[in-house]
Amino acid sequence: MSAPNFKTQRDFDMYASDMQYVPEMPETITLSKSELLKDYDETAFDFEDMLSEYITDYGLCCHTGFNYTIEGDTITITDIEWDLSDEDLFDEDTYENAQFFIDHELNDKLEYFKITLEGGYYFGIQTIVDQAKENYRFDVFYYMTHEDEYSNSEIYEIFGFNKYILNRVLNKEIKLINEKLLPQLKDYGFERYACVGIFSNGEAIYERV
């Protein structure tokens, strides 16, 4: 049984990023044949295998193909096809910068909610909105779906104002989060997504909004 990669929340938009960087890998490498032979055991490799080993060491990454020419002592390697499938390309710097921005810029504008980042079930990073402060007497998300279970007197006892005022301030923060705060994460590579379908096996389809 599969599971959706990202979670969705009824009242909040979902922003997500694969949080990966694409390294700039060279398509051409020029080197000295004599220097190559100094560094690699000519008896252990045939020449193309030696070049292949050099390319891997040079890029610290596997590859699936290349071409080369030799003129005198100069070897020119071209058309390198880098294989990044097994590389860890998680962009930790962007993630930490986004987290700092959320903690110090976005959440400072909120009282009842807070924006957090959470890893997808299989890949990527998404936004999740949580309750700002733990309160054993009040769960904001439960309240938003079970408002009728709370009386005005209960809400007044907890917050010092009635349900009408509470609903206004919650709706104001929800609007602020969706319209002003979450869109700012586009500067860190996040895009808004919506779940447009979930299969019977649990897999989900997401589209950019």
N, C-alpha and C. Protein backbone atom coordinates (compact mmCIF):
# COMPACT_ATOMS: atom_id res chain seq x y z
N MET A 1 0.85 -1.20 0.00
CA MET A 1 0.00 0.00 0.00
C MET A 1 0.88 1.24 0.00
N SER A 2 0.67 2.12 -0.95
CA SER A 2 1.45 3.35 -1.02
C SER A 2 0.80 4.42 -0.15
N ALA A 3 1.46 5.58 -0.09
CA ALA A 3 0.94 6.70 0.68
C ALA A 3 1.20 7.98 -0.09
N PRO A 4 0.35 9.00 0.06
CA PRO A 4 0.62 10.28 -0.59
C PRO A 4 1.96 10.84 -0.12
N ASN A 5 2.68 11.47 -1.02
CA ASN A 5 3.98 12.02 -0.64
C ASN A 5 3.84 13.21 0.30
N PHE A 6 2.85 14.07 0.03
CA PHE A 6 2.66 15.27 0.83
C PHE A 6 1.33 15.23 1.57
N LYS A 7 1.28 15.91 2.70
CA LYS A 7 0.04 16.07 3.44
C LYS A 7 -0.67 17.33 2.95
N THR A 8 -1.98 17.32 3.02
CA THR A 8 -2.75 18.52 2.71
C THR A 8 -3.56 18.91 3.93
N GLN A 9 -3.80 20.22 4.06
CA GLN A 9 -4.58 20.75 5.17
C GLN A 9 -5.78 21.51 4.64
N ARG A 10 -6.90 21.33 5.28
CA ARG A 10 -8.15 21.86 4.77
C ARG A 10 -8.11 23.37 4.56
N ASP A 11 -7.55 24.10 5.49
CA ASP A 11 -7.65 25.57 5.46
C ASP A 11 -6.40 26.26 4.96
N PHE A 12 -5.35 25.50 4.66
CA PHE A 12 -4.07 26.14 4.32
C PHE A 12 -3.54 25.61 2.98
N ASP A 13 -2.98 26.53 2.21
CA ASP A 13 -2.32 26.14 0.97
C ASP A 13 -1.08 25.32 1.31
N MET A 14 -0.68 24.50 0.36
CA MET A 14 0.51 23.67 0.56
C MET A 14 1.59 24.10 -0.43
N TYR A 15 2.76 24.45 0.09
CA TYR A 15 3.91 24.78 -0.73
C TYR A 15 4.96 23.70 -0.55
N ALA A 16 5.62 23.34 -1.64
CA ALA A 16 6.59 22.25 -1.56
C ALA A 16 7.76 22.52 -2.50
N SER A 17 8.87 21.85 -2.21
CA SER A 17 10.07 21.96 -3.04
C SER A 17 10.78 20.61 -3.01
N ASP A 18 11.41 20.24 -4.13
CA ASP A 18 12.22 19.02 -4.09
C ASP A 18 13.49 19.26 -3.29
N MET A 19 13.81 20.54 -3.03
CA MET A 19 14.95 20.94 -2.21
C MET A 19 16.24 20.28 -2.68
N GLN A 20 16.42 20.27 -3.98
CA GLN A 20 17.65 19.72 -4.54
C GLN A 20 18.33 20.78 -5.39
N TYR A 21 19.63 20.71 -5.43
CA TYR A 21 20.38 21.59 -6.30
C TYR A 21 20.96 20.77 -7.47
N VAL A 22 21.17 21.42 -8.56
CA VAL A 22 21.76 20.77 -9.73
C VAL A 22 23.18 21.28 -9.87
N PRO A 23 24.17 20.48 -9.55
CA PRO A 23 25.55 20.96 -9.64
C PRO A 23 25.95 21.24 -11.08
N GLU A 24 26.79 22.22 -11.24
CA GLU A 24 27.30 22.55 -12.58
C GLU A 24 28.48 21.63 -12.90
N MET A 25 28.18 20.59 -13.63
CA MET A 25 29.21 19.61 -13.97
C MET A 25 29.81 19.95 -15.32
N PRO A 26 31.12 19.88 -15.46
CA PRO A 26 31.75 20.25 -16.73
C PRO A 26 31.42 19.25 -17.84
N GLU A 27 31.21 19.78 -19.02
CA GLU A 27 30.99 18.91 -20.18
C GLU A 27 32.31 18.57 -20.87
N THR A 28 33.35 19.39 -20.60
CA THR A 28 34.65 19.20 -21.24
C THR A 28 35.76 19.30 -20.19
N ILE A 29 36.71 18.40 -20.26
CA ILE A 29 37.88 18.42 -19.37
C ILE A 29 39.12 18.31 -20.24
N THR A 30 40.08 19.17 -19.99
CA THR A 30 41.36 19.11 -20.71
C THR A 30 42.46 18.76 -19.71
N LEU A 31 43.29 17.80 -20.08
CA LEU A 31 44.36 17.39 -19.17
C LEU A 31 45.57 16.93 -19.95
N SER A 32 46.67 16.78 -19.23
CA SER A 32 47.92 16.34 -19.83
C SER A 32 48.02 14.82 -19.76
N LYS A 33 48.32 14.20 -20.87
CA LYS A 33 48.45 12.75 -20.90
C LYS A 33 49.59 12.29 -19.99
N SER A 34 50.68 13.01 -19.99
CA SER A 34 51.82 12.61 -19.16
C SER A 34 51.47 12.70 -17.68
N GLU A 35 50.70 13.73 -17.28
CA GLU A 35 50.28 13.85 -15.88
C GLU A 35 49.30 12.74 -15.52
N LEU A 36 48.44 12.38 -16.46
CA LEU A 36 47.49 11.30 -16.22
C LEU A 36 48.22 10.01 -15.93
N LEU A 37 49.25 9.72 -16.70
CA LEU A 37 49.98 8.47 -16.54
C LEU A 37 50.77 8.43 -15.25
N LYS A 38 51.09 9.62 -14.70
CA LYS A 38 51.79 9.66 -13.42
C LYS A 38 50.86 9.26 -12.28
N ASP A 39 49.59 9.66 -12.41
CA ASP A 39 48.65 9.47 -11.31
C ASP A 39 47.92 8.13 -11.35
N TYR A 40 47.87 7.49 -12.51
CA TYR A 40 47.13 6.25 -12.63
C TYR A 40 48.05 5.15 -13.15
N ASP A 41 47.86 3.97 -12.64
CA ASP A 41 48.69 2.83 -12.99
C ASP A 41 48.30 2.33 -14.37
N GLU A 42 49.17 2.57 -15.33
CA GLU A 42 48.86 2.22 -16.72
C GLU A 42 48.70 0.70 -16.88
N THR A 43 49.33 -0.05 -15.99
CA THR A 43 49.24 -1.50 -16.12
C THR A 43 47.93 -2.05 -15.56
N ALA A 44 47.24 -1.22 -14.74
CA ALA A 44 46.00 -1.70 -14.12
C ALA A 44 44.77 -1.37 -14.95
N PHE A 45 44.88 -0.44 -15.90
CA PHE A 45 43.75 -0.01 -16.71
C PHE A 45 44.13 -0.03 -18.18
N ASP A 46 43.14 -0.30 -19.05
CA ASP A 46 43.38 0.12 -20.42
C ASP A 46 43.11 1.62 -20.47
N PHE A 47 43.44 2.27 -21.57
CA PHE A 47 43.45 3.74 -21.58
C PHE A 47 42.07 4.33 -21.33
N GLU A 48 41.04 3.79 -21.96
CA GLU A 48 39.69 4.35 -21.77
C GLU A 48 39.21 4.15 -20.33
N ASP A 49 39.55 3.01 -19.74
CA ASP A 49 39.19 2.79 -18.34
C ASP A 49 39.91 3.79 -17.44
N MET A 50 41.15 4.10 -17.80
CA MET A 50 41.91 5.08 -17.04
C MET A 50 41.25 6.44 -17.11
N LEU A 51 40.80 6.83 -18.30
CA LEU A 51 40.10 8.11 -18.46
C LEU A 51 38.80 8.10 -17.67
N SER A 52 38.09 6.98 -17.72
CA SER A 52 36.83 6.88 -17.00
C SER A 52 37.05 7.06 -15.50
N GLU A 53 38.09 6.44 -14.97
CA GLU A 53 38.41 6.58 -13.56
C GLU A 53 38.78 8.02 -13.23
N TYR A 54 39.51 8.65 -14.13
CA TYR A 54 39.90 10.04 -13.91
C TYR A 54 38.66 10.95 -13.86
N ILE A 55 37.73 10.74 -14.79
CA ILE A 55 36.51 11.56 -14.83
C ILE A 55 35.73 11.42 -13.53
N THR A 56 35.61 10.18 -13.06
CA THR A 56 34.88 9.95 -11.81
C THR A 56 35.56 10.67 -10.65
N ASP A 57 36.88 10.57 -10.59
CA ASP A 57 37.62 11.25 -9.51
C ASP A 57 37.52 12.77 -9.65
N TYR A 58 37.55 13.24 -10.88
CA TYR A 58 37.51 14.68 -11.14
C TYR A 58 36.18 15.27 -10.69
N GLY A 59 35.09 14.61 -11.05
CA GLY A 59 33.77 15.16 -10.74
C GLY A 59 33.19 14.65 -9.45
N LEU A 60 33.92 13.71 -8.77
CA LEU A 60 33.39 13.07 -7.56
C LEU A 60 31.99 12.53 -7.83
N CYS A 61 31.81 11.97 -9.02
CA CYS A 61 30.49 11.55 -9.44
C CYS A 61 30.63 10.54 -10.57
N CYS A 62 29.67 9.61 -10.63
CA CYS A 62 29.69 8.62 -11.71
C CYS A 62 29.26 9.25 -13.03
N HIS A 63 29.53 8.56 -14.13
CA HIS A 63 29.13 9.03 -15.45
C HIS A 63 28.76 7.82 -16.30
N THR A 64 28.05 8.08 -17.39
CA THR A 64 27.60 6.98 -18.25
C THR A 64 28.24 6.99 -19.63
N GLY A 65 29.00 8.02 -19.93
CA GLY A 65 29.64 8.06 -21.25
C GLY A 65 30.45 9.31 -21.47
N PHE A 66 31.35 9.25 -22.45
CA PHE A 66 32.18 10.41 -22.80
C PHE A 66 32.88 10.13 -24.14
N ASN A 67 33.39 11.18 -24.75
CA ASN A 67 34.27 11.08 -25.92
C ASN A 67 35.58 11.77 -25.59
N TYR A 68 36.60 11.50 -26.39
CA TYR A 68 37.88 12.18 -26.14
C TYR A 68 38.71 12.23 -27.42
N THR A 69 39.60 13.20 -27.45
CA THR A 69 40.58 13.32 -28.53
C THR A 69 41.95 13.55 -27.89
N ILE A 70 43.01 13.17 -28.62
CA ILE A 70 44.38 13.37 -28.14
C ILE A 70 45.17 14.10 -29.22
N GLU A 71 45.78 15.20 -28.83
CA GLU A 71 46.68 15.94 -29.73
C GLU A 71 47.97 16.18 -28.97
N GLY A 72 49.00 15.45 -29.38
CA GLY A 72 50.26 15.55 -28.66
C GLY A 72 50.08 15.05 -27.24
N ASP A 73 50.40 15.90 -26.27
CA ASP A 73 50.28 15.52 -24.86
C ASP A 73 48.94 15.96 -24.26
N THR A 74 48.08 16.56 -25.07
CA THR A 74 46.82 17.12 -24.56
C THR A 74 45.65 16.18 -24.84
N ILE A 75 44.95 15.83 -23.78
CA ILE A 75 43.73 15.02 -23.92
C ILE A 75 42.54 15.95 -23.67
N THR A 76 41.59 15.93 -24.59
CA THR A 76 40.36 16.70 -24.42
C THR A 76 39.20 15.72 -24.31
N ILE A 77 38.57 15.72 -23.14
CA ILE A 77 37.42 14.83 -22.90
C ILE A 77 36.16 15.65 -23.10
N THR A 78 35.25 15.17 -23.93
CA THR A 78 34.03 15.92 -24.26
C THR A 78 32.79 15.05 -24.06
N ASP A 79 31.62 15.72 -24.15
CA ASP A 79 30.32 15.04 -24.11
C ASP A 79 30.19 14.11 -22.90
N ILE A 80 30.62 14.60 -21.76
CA ILE A 80 30.53 13.78 -20.55
C ILE A 80 29.08 13.70 -20.10
N GLU A 81 28.60 12.50 -19.90
CA GLU A 81 27.22 12.29 -19.43
C GLU A 81 27.28 11.89 -17.95
N TRP A 82 27.09 12.89 -17.11
CA TRP A 82 27.18 12.65 -15.67
C TRP A 82 25.94 11.91 -15.18
N ASP A 83 26.13 10.99 -14.27
CA ASP A 83 25.04 10.22 -13.67
C ASP A 83 24.88 10.67 -12.21
N LEU A 84 23.83 11.47 -11.96
CA LEU A 84 23.61 12.01 -10.62
C LEU A 84 22.56 11.24 -9.83
N SER A 85 22.14 10.09 -10.37
CA SER A 85 21.00 9.38 -9.77
C SER A 85 21.29 8.88 -8.36
N ASP A 86 22.54 8.60 -8.07
CA ASP A 86 22.88 8.08 -6.73
C ASP A 86 23.49 9.14 -5.83
N GLU A 87 23.48 10.38 -6.27
CA GLU A 87 24.10 11.44 -5.49
C GLU A 87 23.09 12.06 -4.52
N ASP A 88 23.58 12.47 -3.37
CA ASP A 88 22.77 13.19 -2.40
C ASP A 88 22.80 14.66 -2.75
N LEU A 89 21.72 15.15 -3.38
CA LEU A 89 21.70 16.52 -3.87
C LEU A 89 20.81 17.41 -3.01
N PHE A 90 20.55 16.99 -1.78
CA PHE A 90 19.72 17.81 -0.90
C PHE A 90 20.40 19.14 -0.64
N ASP A 91 19.65 20.22 -0.87
CA ASP A 91 20.21 21.57 -0.75
C ASP A 91 20.05 22.04 0.70
N GLU A 92 20.99 21.65 1.52
CA GLU A 92 20.89 21.94 2.96
C GLU A 92 20.95 23.43 3.24
N ASP A 93 21.75 24.17 2.47
CA ASP A 93 21.86 25.62 2.70
C ASP A 93 20.53 26.32 2.47
N THR A 94 19.86 25.99 1.36
CA THR A 94 18.56 26.61 1.08
C THR A 94 17.54 26.21 2.13
N TYR A 95 17.57 24.96 2.55
CA TYR A 95 16.64 24.50 3.59
C TYR A 95 16.85 25.30 4.88
N GLU A 96 18.08 25.44 5.31
CA GLU A 96 18.35 26.16 6.56
C GLU A 96 17.99 27.64 6.43
N ASN A 97 18.24 28.22 5.26
CA ASN A 97 17.87 29.63 5.05
C ASN A 97 16.35 29.81 5.08
N ALA A 98 15.63 28.87 4.47
CA ALA A 98 14.16 28.93 4.47
C ALA A 98 13.63 28.77 5.89
N GLN A 99 14.21 27.85 6.65
CA GLN A 99 13.77 27.63 8.03
C GLN A 99 14.02 28.87 8.89
N PHE A 100 15.17 29.50 8.70
CA PHE A 100 15.49 30.72 9.46
C PHE A 100 14.50 31.83 9.10
N PHE A 101 14.19 31.97 7.81
CA PHE A 101 13.25 33.00 7.36
C PHE A 101 11.87 32.76 7.96
N ILE A 102 11.44 31.50 7.99
CA ILE A 102 10.13 31.18 8.58
C ILE A 102 10.11 31.53 10.06
N ASP A 103 11.15 31.11 10.77
CA ASP A 103 11.19 31.30 12.22
C ASP A 103 11.26 32.77 12.62
N HIS A 104 12.02 33.55 11.85
CA HIS A 104 12.31 34.92 12.28
C HIS A 104 11.55 36.00 11.53
N GLU A 105 10.93 35.64 10.42
CA GLU A 105 10.19 36.65 9.64
C GLU A 105 8.69 36.33 9.57
N LEU A 106 8.36 35.10 9.25
CA LEU A 106 6.96 34.76 9.03
C LEU A 106 6.23 34.47 10.34
N ASN A 107 6.78 33.60 11.16
CA ASN A 107 6.08 33.23 12.39
C ASN A 107 6.00 34.36 13.40
N ASP A 108 6.87 35.34 13.27
CA ASP A 108 6.79 36.51 14.16
C ASP A 108 5.51 37.30 13.94
N LYS A 109 4.87 37.09 12.80
CA LYS A 109 3.65 37.82 12.47
C LYS A 109 2.39 37.05 12.89
N LEU A 110 2.57 35.88 13.51
CA LEU A 110 1.44 35.02 13.85
C LEU A 110 1.35 34.82 15.36
N GLU A 111 0.13 34.63 15.83
CA GLU A 111 -0.10 34.39 17.26
C GLU A 111 -0.68 33.01 17.52
N TYR A 112 -1.57 32.54 16.65
CA TYR A 112 -2.27 31.28 16.90
C TYR A 112 -1.74 30.12 16.07
N PHE A 113 -1.05 30.42 14.99
CA PHE A 113 -0.50 29.39 14.11
C PHE A 113 1.00 29.60 13.95
N LYS A 114 1.66 28.56 13.46
CA LYS A 114 3.06 28.69 13.07
C LYS A 114 3.30 27.83 11.84
N ILE A 115 4.16 28.32 10.96
CA ILE A 115 4.52 27.60 9.74
C ILE A 115 5.74 26.74 10.04
N THR A 116 5.70 25.49 9.62
CA THR A 116 6.84 24.60 9.80
C THR A 116 7.17 23.93 8.46
N LEU A 117 8.33 23.30 8.39
CA LEU A 117 8.73 22.52 7.22
C LEU A 117 8.79 21.05 7.62
N GLU A 118 8.35 20.20 6.71
CA GLU A 118 8.30 18.77 6.99
C GLU A 118 8.68 18.01 5.73
N GLY A 119 9.41 16.92 5.89
CA GLY A 119 9.80 16.11 4.75
C GLY A 119 8.62 15.34 4.18
N GLY A 120 8.59 15.18 2.84
CA GLY A 120 7.57 14.37 2.21
C GLY A 120 7.76 12.90 2.55
N TYR A 121 6.73 12.10 2.31
CA TYR A 121 6.80 10.67 2.64
C TYR A 121 7.92 9.98 1.85
N TYR A 122 8.11 10.40 0.60
CA TYR A 122 9.14 9.81 -0.24
C TYR A 122 10.27 10.80 -0.55
N PHE A 123 9.94 12.05 -0.80
CA PHE A 123 10.95 13.02 -1.20
C PHE A 123 10.41 14.42 -0.96
N GLY A 124 11.32 15.41 -1.06
CA GLY A 124 10.91 16.80 -1.01
C GLY A 124 10.61 17.32 0.39
N ILE A 125 10.35 18.62 0.44
CA ILE A 125 10.02 19.33 1.67
C ILE A 125 8.73 20.10 1.44
N GLN A 126 7.83 20.11 2.42
CA GLN A 126 6.58 20.84 2.28
C GLN A 126 6.32 21.71 3.51
N THR A 127 5.41 22.66 3.35
CA THR A 127 4.98 23.47 4.48
C THR A 127 3.83 22.79 5.22
N ILE A 128 3.84 22.93 6.51
CA ILE A 128 2.75 22.48 7.37
C ILE A 128 2.46 23.62 8.35
N VAL A 129 1.19 23.87 8.60
CA VAL A 129 0.81 24.88 9.59
C VAL A 129 0.36 24.16 10.86
N ASP A 130 1.01 24.50 11.97
CA ASP A 130 0.70 23.92 13.27
C ASP A 130 0.14 24.98 14.21
N GLN A 131 -0.32 24.52 15.36
CA GLN A 131 -0.73 25.46 16.40
C GLN A 131 0.52 26.10 16.99
N ALA A 132 0.48 27.40 17.21
CA ALA A 132 1.67 28.13 17.63
C ALA A 132 2.15 27.69 19.00
N LYS A 133 1.23 27.54 19.95
CA LYS A 133 1.60 27.18 21.31
C LYS A 133 0.73 26.03 21.77
N GLU A 134 1.36 25.09 22.46
CA GLU A 134 0.58 23.99 23.02
C GLU A 134 -0.33 24.51 24.13
N ASN A 135 -1.56 24.07 24.12
CA ASN A 135 -2.54 24.50 25.11
C ASN A 135 -3.42 23.29 25.42
N TYR A 136 -3.25 22.73 26.60
CA TYR A 136 -3.98 21.51 26.93
C TYR A 136 -5.49 21.74 26.98
N ARG A 137 -5.91 23.00 27.04
CA ARG A 137 -7.34 23.31 27.11
C ARG A 137 -7.95 23.60 25.75
N PHE A 138 -7.07 23.78 24.74
CA PHE A 138 -7.61 24.23 23.46
C PHE A 138 -6.73 23.77 22.31
N ASP A 139 -7.33 23.04 21.37
CA ASP A 139 -6.66 22.62 20.14
C ASP A 139 -7.31 23.39 19.00
N VAL A 140 -6.55 24.29 18.37
CA VAL A 140 -7.13 25.18 17.37
C VAL A 140 -7.70 24.41 16.19
N PHE A 141 -7.06 23.32 15.81
CA PHE A 141 -7.54 22.57 14.65
C PHE A 141 -8.80 21.77 14.98
N TYR A 142 -8.86 21.26 16.19
CA TYR A 142 -10.09 20.59 16.61
C TYR A 142 -11.24 21.60 16.67
N TYR A 143 -10.95 22.77 17.20
CA TYR A 143 -11.98 23.81 17.30
C TYR A 143 -12.51 24.20 15.91
N MET A 144 -11.62 24.28 14.92
CA MET A 144 -12.04 24.72 13.60
C MET A 144 -12.99 23.74 12.92
N THR A 145 -12.99 22.48 13.36
CA THR A 145 -13.90 21.49 12.77
C THR A 145 -15.00 21.06 13.74
N HIS A 146 -14.93 21.53 15.00
CA HIS A 146 -15.93 21.15 16.01
C HIS A 146 -16.35 22.37 16.83
N GLU A 147 -16.51 23.48 16.15
CA GLU A 147 -16.82 24.73 16.85
C GLU A 147 -18.07 24.62 17.72
N ASP A 148 -19.04 23.85 17.26
CA ASP A 148 -20.31 23.75 18.00
C ASP A 148 -20.15 23.11 19.37
N GLU A 149 -19.03 22.43 19.58
CA GLU A 149 -18.83 21.78 20.87
C GLU A 149 -18.34 22.77 21.94
N TYR A 150 -18.01 23.97 21.53
CA TYR A 150 -17.50 24.97 22.47
C TYR A 150 -18.56 26.04 22.70
N SER A 151 -18.76 26.39 23.94
CA SER A 151 -19.68 27.48 24.27
C SER A 151 -18.91 28.79 24.35
N ASN A 152 -19.65 29.89 24.27
CA ASN A 152 -19.03 31.20 24.40
C ASN A 152 -18.33 31.34 25.74
N SER A 153 -18.93 30.78 26.78
CA SER A 153 -18.32 30.91 28.11
C SER A 153 -17.01 30.15 28.20
N GLU A 154 -16.92 28.99 27.54
CA GLU A 154 -15.66 28.23 27.53
C GLU A 154 -14.56 29.01 26.82
N ILE A 155 -14.89 29.57 25.67
CA ILE A 155 -13.90 30.33 24.91
C ILE A 155 -13.49 31.59 25.69
N TYR A 156 -14.46 32.23 26.32
CA TYR A 156 -14.14 33.44 27.08
C TYR A 156 -13.21 33.10 28.26
N GLU A 157 -13.45 31.96 28.86
CA GLU A 157 -12.62 31.55 30.00
C GLU A 157 -11.17 31.32 29.57
N ILE A 158 -10.99 30.82 28.37
CA ILE A 158 -9.64 30.52 27.87
C ILE A 158 -8.95 31.76 27.34
N PHE A 159 -9.67 32.57 26.52
CA PHE A 159 -9.03 33.66 25.80
C PHE A 159 -9.40 35.06 26.32
N GLY A 160 -10.49 35.15 27.03
CA GLY A 160 -10.91 36.47 27.50
C GLY A 160 -11.79 37.20 26.50
N PHE A 161 -12.22 36.51 25.45
CA PHE A 161 -13.18 37.06 24.49
C PHE A 161 -14.02 35.94 23.93
N ASN A 162 -15.09 36.28 23.20
CA ASN A 162 -16.05 35.26 22.79
C ASN A 162 -15.67 34.58 21.47
N LYS A 163 -16.51 33.64 21.06
CA LYS A 163 -16.24 32.86 19.85
C LYS A 163 -16.22 33.74 18.61
N TYR A 164 -17.06 34.74 18.55
CA TYR A 164 -17.10 35.62 17.37
C TYR A 164 -15.74 36.28 17.17
N ILE A 165 -15.16 36.80 18.24
CA ILE A 165 -13.84 37.44 18.14
C ILE A 165 -12.78 36.40 17.79
N LEU A 166 -12.84 35.23 18.42
CA LEU A 166 -11.85 34.19 18.12
C LEU A 166 -11.91 33.80 16.65
N ASN A 167 -13.12 33.60 16.12
CA ASN A 167 -13.24 33.23 14.71
C ASN A 167 -12.67 34.30 13.79
N ARG A 168 -12.88 35.54 14.15
CA ARG A 168 -12.34 36.64 13.34
C ARG A 168 -10.81 36.62 13.33
N VAL A 169 -10.20 36.45 14.50
CA VAL A 169 -8.74 36.49 14.55
C VAL A 169 -8.14 35.25 13.88
N LEU A 170 -8.78 34.10 14.01
CA LEU A 170 -8.27 32.90 13.34
C LEU A 170 -8.37 33.04 11.83
N ASN A 171 -9.53 33.51 11.35
CA ASN A 171 -9.70 33.69 9.91
C ASN A 171 -8.74 34.74 9.36
N LYS A 172 -8.44 35.75 10.16
CA LYS A 172 -7.48 36.77 9.74
C LYS A 172 -6.09 36.18 9.57
N GLU A 173 -5.69 35.31 10.50
CA GLU A 173 -4.37 34.68 10.39
C GLU A 173 -4.32 33.69 9.24
N ILE A 174 -5.40 32.94 9.04
CA ILE A 174 -5.44 31.99 7.92
C ILE A 174 -5.27 32.74 6.60
N LYS A 175 -5.96 33.84 6.45
CA LYS A 175 -5.86 34.65 5.23
C LYS A 175 -4.45 35.21 5.07
N LEU A 176 -3.87 35.67 6.17
CA LEU A 176 -2.51 36.21 6.12
C LEU A 176 -1.51 35.14 5.69
N ILE A 177 -1.66 33.94 6.25
CA ILE A 177 -0.75 32.85 5.91
C ILE A 177 -0.85 32.49 4.43
N ASN A 178 -2.07 32.31 3.93
CA ASN A 178 -2.26 31.86 2.55
C ASN A 178 -1.93 32.94 1.52
N GLU A 179 -2.27 34.19 1.82
CA GLU A 179 -2.14 35.24 0.81
C GLU A 179 -0.84 36.02 0.90
N LYS A 180 -0.23 36.08 2.08
CA LYS A 180 0.95 36.93 2.25
C LYS A 180 2.22 36.17 2.64
N LEU A 181 2.09 35.23 3.57
CA LEU A 181 3.29 34.62 4.14
C LEU A 181 3.82 33.45 3.32
N LEU A 182 2.98 32.44 3.06
CA LEU A 182 3.46 31.29 2.31
C LEU A 182 4.01 31.64 0.93
N PRO A 183 3.38 32.58 0.17
CA PRO A 183 3.94 32.92 -1.14
C PRO A 183 5.37 33.45 -1.10
N GLN A 184 5.80 33.98 0.04
CA GLN A 184 7.17 34.48 0.14
C GLN A 184 8.21 33.36 0.06
N LEU A 185 7.77 32.13 0.30
CA LEU A 185 8.70 31.00 0.23
C LEU A 185 9.09 30.65 -1.21
N LYS A 186 8.44 31.28 -2.18
CA LYS A 186 8.86 31.08 -3.57
C LYS A 186 10.30 31.53 -3.77
N ASP A 187 10.75 32.48 -2.95
CA ASP A 187 12.14 32.94 -3.03
C ASP A 187 13.13 31.85 -2.64
N TYR A 188 12.63 30.79 -2.02
CA TYR A 188 13.49 29.68 -1.61
C TYR A 188 13.19 28.41 -2.40
N GLY A 189 12.55 28.57 -3.56
CA GLY A 189 12.31 27.44 -4.44
C GLY A 189 11.02 26.69 -4.21
N PHE A 190 10.17 27.18 -3.31
CA PHE A 190 8.89 26.50 -3.06
C PHE A 190 7.85 26.94 -4.09
N GLU A 191 6.96 26.02 -4.41
CA GLU A 191 5.84 26.32 -5.29
C GLU A 191 4.56 25.79 -4.65
N ARG A 192 3.45 26.43 -5.01
CA ARG A 192 2.17 25.99 -4.44
C ARG A 192 1.65 24.80 -5.22
N TYR A 193 1.18 23.78 -4.50
CA TYR A 193 0.65 22.57 -5.11
C TYR A 193 -0.73 22.27 -4.53
N ALA A 194 -1.51 21.57 -5.32
CA ALA A 194 -2.79 21.05 -4.86
C ALA A 194 -2.87 19.57 -5.19
N CYS A 195 -3.48 18.79 -4.30
CA CYS A 195 -3.71 17.38 -4.57
C CYS A 195 -4.96 17.26 -5.42
N VAL A 196 -4.81 16.71 -6.61
CA VAL A 196 -5.94 16.62 -7.54
C VAL A 196 -6.51 15.22 -7.65
N GLY A 197 -5.91 14.27 -6.94
CA GLY A 197 -6.44 12.92 -6.98
C GLY A 197 -5.64 11.95 -6.15
N ILE A 198 -6.32 10.99 -5.53
CA ILE A 198 -5.66 9.94 -4.77
C ILE A 198 -6.19 8.59 -5.27
N PHE A 199 -5.27 7.72 -5.67
CA PHE A 199 -5.65 6.41 -6.18
C PHE A 199 -6.02 5.48 -5.02
N SER A 200 -6.64 4.37 -5.38
CA SER A 200 -7.08 3.41 -4.35
C SER A 200 -5.89 2.80 -3.61
N ASN A 201 -4.70 2.82 -4.22
CA ASN A 201 -3.53 2.27 -3.54
C ASN A 201 -2.85 3.29 -2.64
N GLY A 202 -3.39 4.51 -2.59
CA GLY A 202 -2.85 5.53 -1.71
C GLY A 202 -1.97 6.56 -2.39
N GLU A 203 -1.53 6.29 -3.62
CA GLU A 203 -0.71 7.25 -4.33
C GLU A 203 -1.53 8.48 -4.69
N ALA A 204 -0.86 9.63 -4.75
CA ALA A 204 -1.56 10.89 -5.01
C ALA A 204 -0.93 11.62 -6.18
N ILE A 205 -1.76 12.46 -6.83
CA ILE A 205 -1.29 13.30 -7.92
C ILE A 205 -1.36 14.75 -7.47
N TYR A 206 -0.26 15.48 -7.66
CA TYR A 206 -0.19 16.88 -7.28
C TYR A 206 0.03 17.74 -8.52
N GLU A 207 -0.58 18.91 -8.54
CA GLU A 207 -0.37 19.85 -9.64
C GLU A 207 0.00 21.20 -9.06
N ARG A 208 0.86 21.93 -9.81
CA ARG A 208 1.16 23.31 -9.42
C ARG A 208 -0.09 24.15 -9.59
N VAL A 209 -0.29 25.06 -8.68
CA VAL A 209 -1.46 25.94 -8.73
C VAL A 209 -1.02 27.32 -9.18
